[in-house]
N, C-alpha and C. Protein backbone atom coordinates (compact mmCIF):
# COMPACT_ATOMS: atom_id res chain seq x y z
N LYS A 1 -13.23 -76.61 -28.90
CA LYS A 1 -13.20 -75.62 -29.97
C LYS A 1 -13.00 -76.27 -31.33
N GLU A 2 -12.27 -77.36 -31.37
CA GLU A 2 -11.97 -77.96 -32.67
C GLU A 2 -13.20 -78.55 -33.36
N TYR A 3 -14.31 -78.70 -32.63
CA TYR A 3 -15.53 -79.27 -33.21
C TYR A 3 -16.52 -78.20 -33.66
N ARG A 4 -16.23 -76.94 -33.39
CA ARG A 4 -17.12 -75.86 -33.80
C ARG A 4 -17.15 -75.74 -35.32
N GLY A 5 -18.28 -75.32 -35.84
CA GLY A 5 -18.42 -75.10 -37.27
C GLY A 5 -18.69 -76.36 -38.07
N GLN A 6 -18.89 -77.48 -37.40
CA GLN A 6 -19.15 -78.75 -38.08
C GLN A 6 -20.61 -79.17 -38.02
N LYS A 7 -21.46 -78.28 -37.49
CA LYS A 7 -22.91 -78.50 -37.38
C LYS A 7 -23.28 -79.62 -36.41
N ILE A 8 -22.36 -79.98 -35.53
CA ILE A 8 -22.64 -81.02 -34.54
C ILE A 8 -23.69 -80.53 -33.55
N GLY A 9 -23.57 -79.30 -33.09
CA GLY A 9 -24.56 -78.74 -32.17
C GLY A 9 -25.94 -78.68 -32.78
N ALA A 10 -26.02 -78.30 -34.04
CA ALA A 10 -27.32 -78.23 -34.73
C ALA A 10 -27.94 -79.62 -34.83
N GLU A 11 -27.13 -80.63 -35.11
CA GLU A 11 -27.64 -82.00 -35.21
C GLU A 11 -28.11 -82.51 -33.84
N LEU A 12 -27.40 -82.18 -32.79
CA LEU A 12 -27.82 -82.57 -31.44
C LEU A 12 -29.16 -81.92 -31.08
N LEU A 13 -29.30 -80.63 -31.40
CA LEU A 13 -30.57 -79.95 -31.14
C LEU A 13 -31.71 -80.61 -31.91
N LYS A 14 -31.47 -80.88 -33.18
CA LYS A 14 -32.49 -81.50 -34.01
C LYS A 14 -32.93 -82.84 -33.42
N LYS A 15 -31.99 -83.65 -32.99
CA LYS A 15 -32.32 -84.96 -32.41
C LYS A 15 -33.10 -84.79 -31.10
N ALA A 16 -32.68 -83.87 -30.25
CA ALA A 16 -33.40 -83.62 -28.99
C ALA A 16 -34.83 -83.18 -29.27
N GLU A 17 -35.01 -82.31 -30.26
CA GLU A 17 -36.35 -81.83 -30.61
C GLU A 17 -37.20 -82.96 -31.17
N GLU A 18 -36.62 -83.85 -31.94
CA GLU A 18 -37.35 -85.01 -32.45
C GLU A 18 -37.83 -85.91 -31.31
N ILE A 19 -36.99 -86.12 -30.32
CA ILE A 19 -37.36 -86.96 -29.19
C ILE A 19 -38.49 -86.31 -28.39
N VAL A 20 -38.37 -85.01 -28.14
CA VAL A 20 -39.44 -84.29 -27.42
C VAL A 20 -40.75 -84.42 -28.20
N TYR A 21 -40.70 -84.26 -29.50
CA TYR A 21 -41.88 -84.37 -30.36
C TYR A 21 -42.48 -85.78 -30.28
N GLN A 22 -41.64 -86.81 -30.34
CA GLN A 22 -42.12 -88.19 -30.28
C GLN A 22 -42.88 -88.48 -28.99
N TYR A 23 -42.44 -87.84 -27.91
CA TYR A 23 -43.10 -88.04 -26.62
C TYR A 23 -44.20 -87.02 -26.37
N LYS A 24 -44.59 -86.32 -27.45
CA LYS A 24 -45.67 -85.35 -27.42
C LYS A 24 -45.41 -84.16 -26.50
N GLY A 25 -44.14 -83.85 -26.31
CA GLY A 25 -43.77 -82.65 -25.57
C GLY A 25 -44.09 -81.43 -26.41
N GLU A 26 -44.49 -80.37 -25.77
CA GLU A 26 -44.86 -79.16 -26.49
C GLU A 26 -43.71 -78.16 -26.59
N TYR A 27 -42.82 -78.19 -25.63
CA TYR A 27 -41.72 -77.21 -25.57
C TYR A 27 -40.43 -77.91 -25.21
N ILE A 28 -39.34 -77.25 -25.58
CA ILE A 28 -38.03 -77.66 -25.10
C ILE A 28 -37.38 -76.39 -24.56
N MET A 29 -36.75 -76.50 -23.39
CA MET A 29 -36.09 -75.34 -22.82
C MET A 29 -34.69 -75.72 -22.38
N LEU A 30 -33.84 -74.71 -22.34
CA LEU A 30 -32.46 -74.94 -21.94
C LEU A 30 -31.91 -73.70 -21.27
N HIS A 31 -30.85 -73.90 -20.55
CA HIS A 31 -30.17 -72.84 -19.83
C HIS A 31 -28.85 -72.60 -20.56
N ALA A 32 -28.84 -71.63 -21.48
CA ALA A 32 -27.72 -71.43 -22.38
C ALA A 32 -26.70 -70.43 -21.84
N GLN A 33 -25.45 -70.70 -22.13
CA GLN A 33 -24.44 -69.68 -21.87
C GLN A 33 -24.72 -68.50 -22.79
N ILE A 34 -24.54 -67.31 -22.26
CA ILE A 34 -24.81 -66.10 -23.04
C ILE A 34 -24.03 -66.13 -24.35
N GLN A 35 -22.83 -66.63 -24.32
CA GLN A 35 -22.01 -66.66 -25.54
C GLN A 35 -22.61 -67.54 -26.63
N ALA A 36 -23.53 -68.45 -26.27
CA ALA A 36 -24.18 -69.34 -27.24
C ALA A 36 -25.60 -68.91 -27.59
N GLN A 37 -26.05 -67.79 -27.04
CA GLN A 37 -27.43 -67.36 -27.23
C GLN A 37 -27.79 -67.20 -28.70
N GLN A 38 -26.94 -66.60 -29.50
CA GLN A 38 -27.24 -66.40 -30.92
C GLN A 38 -27.36 -67.73 -31.66
N PHE A 39 -26.57 -68.70 -31.28
CA PHE A 39 -26.66 -70.03 -31.89
C PHE A 39 -28.06 -70.60 -31.70
N TYR A 40 -28.57 -70.54 -30.46
CA TYR A 40 -29.89 -71.08 -30.18
C TYR A 40 -30.99 -70.25 -30.85
N GLU A 41 -30.82 -68.93 -30.87
CA GLU A 41 -31.81 -68.08 -31.54
C GLU A 41 -31.90 -68.43 -33.03
N LYS A 42 -30.76 -68.74 -33.63
CA LYS A 42 -30.73 -69.13 -35.05
C LYS A 42 -31.54 -70.40 -35.29
N HIS A 43 -31.71 -71.21 -34.24
CA HIS A 43 -32.46 -72.46 -34.35
C HIS A 43 -33.87 -72.36 -33.77
N GLY A 44 -34.35 -71.12 -33.59
CA GLY A 44 -35.73 -70.91 -33.21
C GLY A 44 -36.01 -70.78 -31.72
N TYR A 45 -34.99 -70.70 -30.90
CA TYR A 45 -35.19 -70.57 -29.45
C TYR A 45 -35.32 -69.10 -29.09
N LEU A 46 -36.17 -68.81 -28.11
CA LEU A 46 -36.38 -67.47 -27.61
C LEU A 46 -35.90 -67.39 -26.17
N SER A 47 -35.23 -66.31 -25.84
CA SER A 47 -34.75 -66.15 -24.46
C SER A 47 -35.86 -65.56 -23.59
N TYR A 48 -35.79 -65.87 -22.31
CA TYR A 48 -36.73 -65.28 -21.36
C TYR A 48 -36.07 -65.18 -20.00
N GLY A 49 -36.57 -64.25 -19.21
CA GLY A 49 -36.01 -64.04 -17.88
C GLY A 49 -34.71 -63.25 -17.96
N GLY A 50 -34.10 -63.11 -16.82
CA GLY A 50 -32.85 -62.36 -16.74
C GLY A 50 -31.64 -63.25 -16.81
N ILE A 51 -30.51 -62.62 -16.84
CA ILE A 51 -29.25 -63.35 -16.85
C ILE A 51 -28.99 -63.92 -15.46
N GLU A 52 -28.61 -65.18 -15.43
CA GLU A 52 -28.26 -65.87 -14.19
C GLU A 52 -26.84 -66.41 -14.33
N TYR A 53 -26.21 -66.69 -13.23
CA TYR A 53 -24.85 -67.21 -13.26
C TYR A 53 -24.83 -68.66 -12.82
N ASP A 54 -24.19 -69.48 -13.61
CA ASP A 54 -23.99 -70.88 -13.31
C ASP A 54 -22.48 -71.11 -13.33
N GLU A 55 -21.93 -71.42 -12.18
CA GLU A 55 -20.48 -71.58 -12.03
C GLU A 55 -19.73 -70.36 -12.58
N ASN A 56 -20.19 -69.19 -12.18
CA ASN A 56 -19.59 -67.90 -12.54
C ASN A 56 -19.64 -67.58 -14.03
N CYS A 57 -20.53 -68.24 -14.77
CA CYS A 57 -20.68 -67.99 -16.20
C CYS A 57 -22.11 -67.52 -16.46
N PRO A 58 -22.30 -66.39 -17.16
CA PRO A 58 -23.66 -65.89 -17.40
C PRO A 58 -24.46 -66.81 -18.34
N HIS A 59 -25.69 -67.11 -17.92
CA HIS A 59 -26.61 -67.96 -18.68
C HIS A 59 -27.96 -67.28 -18.81
N ILE A 60 -28.73 -67.74 -19.78
CA ILE A 60 -30.10 -67.27 -19.96
C ILE A 60 -30.98 -68.46 -20.31
N TRP A 61 -32.22 -68.46 -19.81
CA TRP A 61 -33.16 -69.51 -20.17
C TRP A 61 -33.68 -69.27 -21.58
N MET A 62 -33.84 -70.35 -22.32
CA MET A 62 -34.33 -70.27 -23.70
C MET A 62 -35.38 -71.35 -23.92
N LEU A 63 -36.33 -71.06 -24.81
CA LEU A 63 -37.49 -71.91 -25.01
C LEU A 63 -37.83 -72.00 -26.49
N LYS A 64 -38.30 -73.17 -26.91
CA LYS A 64 -38.77 -73.34 -28.27
C LYS A 64 -40.02 -74.21 -28.25
N LYS A 65 -41.06 -73.77 -28.94
CA LYS A 65 -42.28 -74.55 -29.06
C LYS A 65 -42.06 -75.62 -30.12
N ILE A 66 -42.35 -76.87 -29.77
CA ILE A 66 -42.11 -78.00 -30.65
C ILE A 66 -43.35 -78.35 -31.47
N ILE A 67 -44.51 -78.33 -30.84
CA ILE A 67 -45.75 -78.71 -31.54
C ILE A 67 -46.51 -77.45 -31.86
């Protein structure tokens, strides 16, 4: 919690997207905790499918087109 609000997550996403782009990947997808869904949406990710549980925590698949 002490690292929230410092844009660390945004920088990690940016770097991951750069790597996917360098390798000519077209999409990046992730399995986000529902509580983080708005964070990913703010960075251009779209949710798809239904809610699934991973270790008793609700998650949703999210996707972003890179190229």
